[in-house]
């Protein structure tokens, strides 16, 4: 069982930056693929970014590529999402997720993940 707790969300103006953090419990964090998803009101949960066990591979949705960076610190059981040049359309609840499975290709489907955090609100004003 893994518990995930996100932090770092908030209100920011368009063009600004935020960094989300996700702290995981348990001693097997380094064996999990970690991902970030987001869900805006009235919309489905969508993939944002993912990172492999050791951080050697990263994956991004086209909508955030070049603006967001995912990273992890296995010694701290933490995964990060650094967000730059935020846009109003980035407004959503952001969720951290963990997958103990080997996922071929890009782990971009919610069903690829077994554990989820409670979410952190990010609001970008225009």
Foldseek 3Di string as FASTA:
>chain_A
DKAKAKDWADEEAAQAKTKMKIAIDDLCLLLKKKFKWWDDPPDDIWGAKIAHSVRPDIDGDPVQPPFWDWGDDSVRRMIMIIGGRDDQVVWTWMKMFIANDDDPDDPIDPVRTDYIYPTDTHGYHD
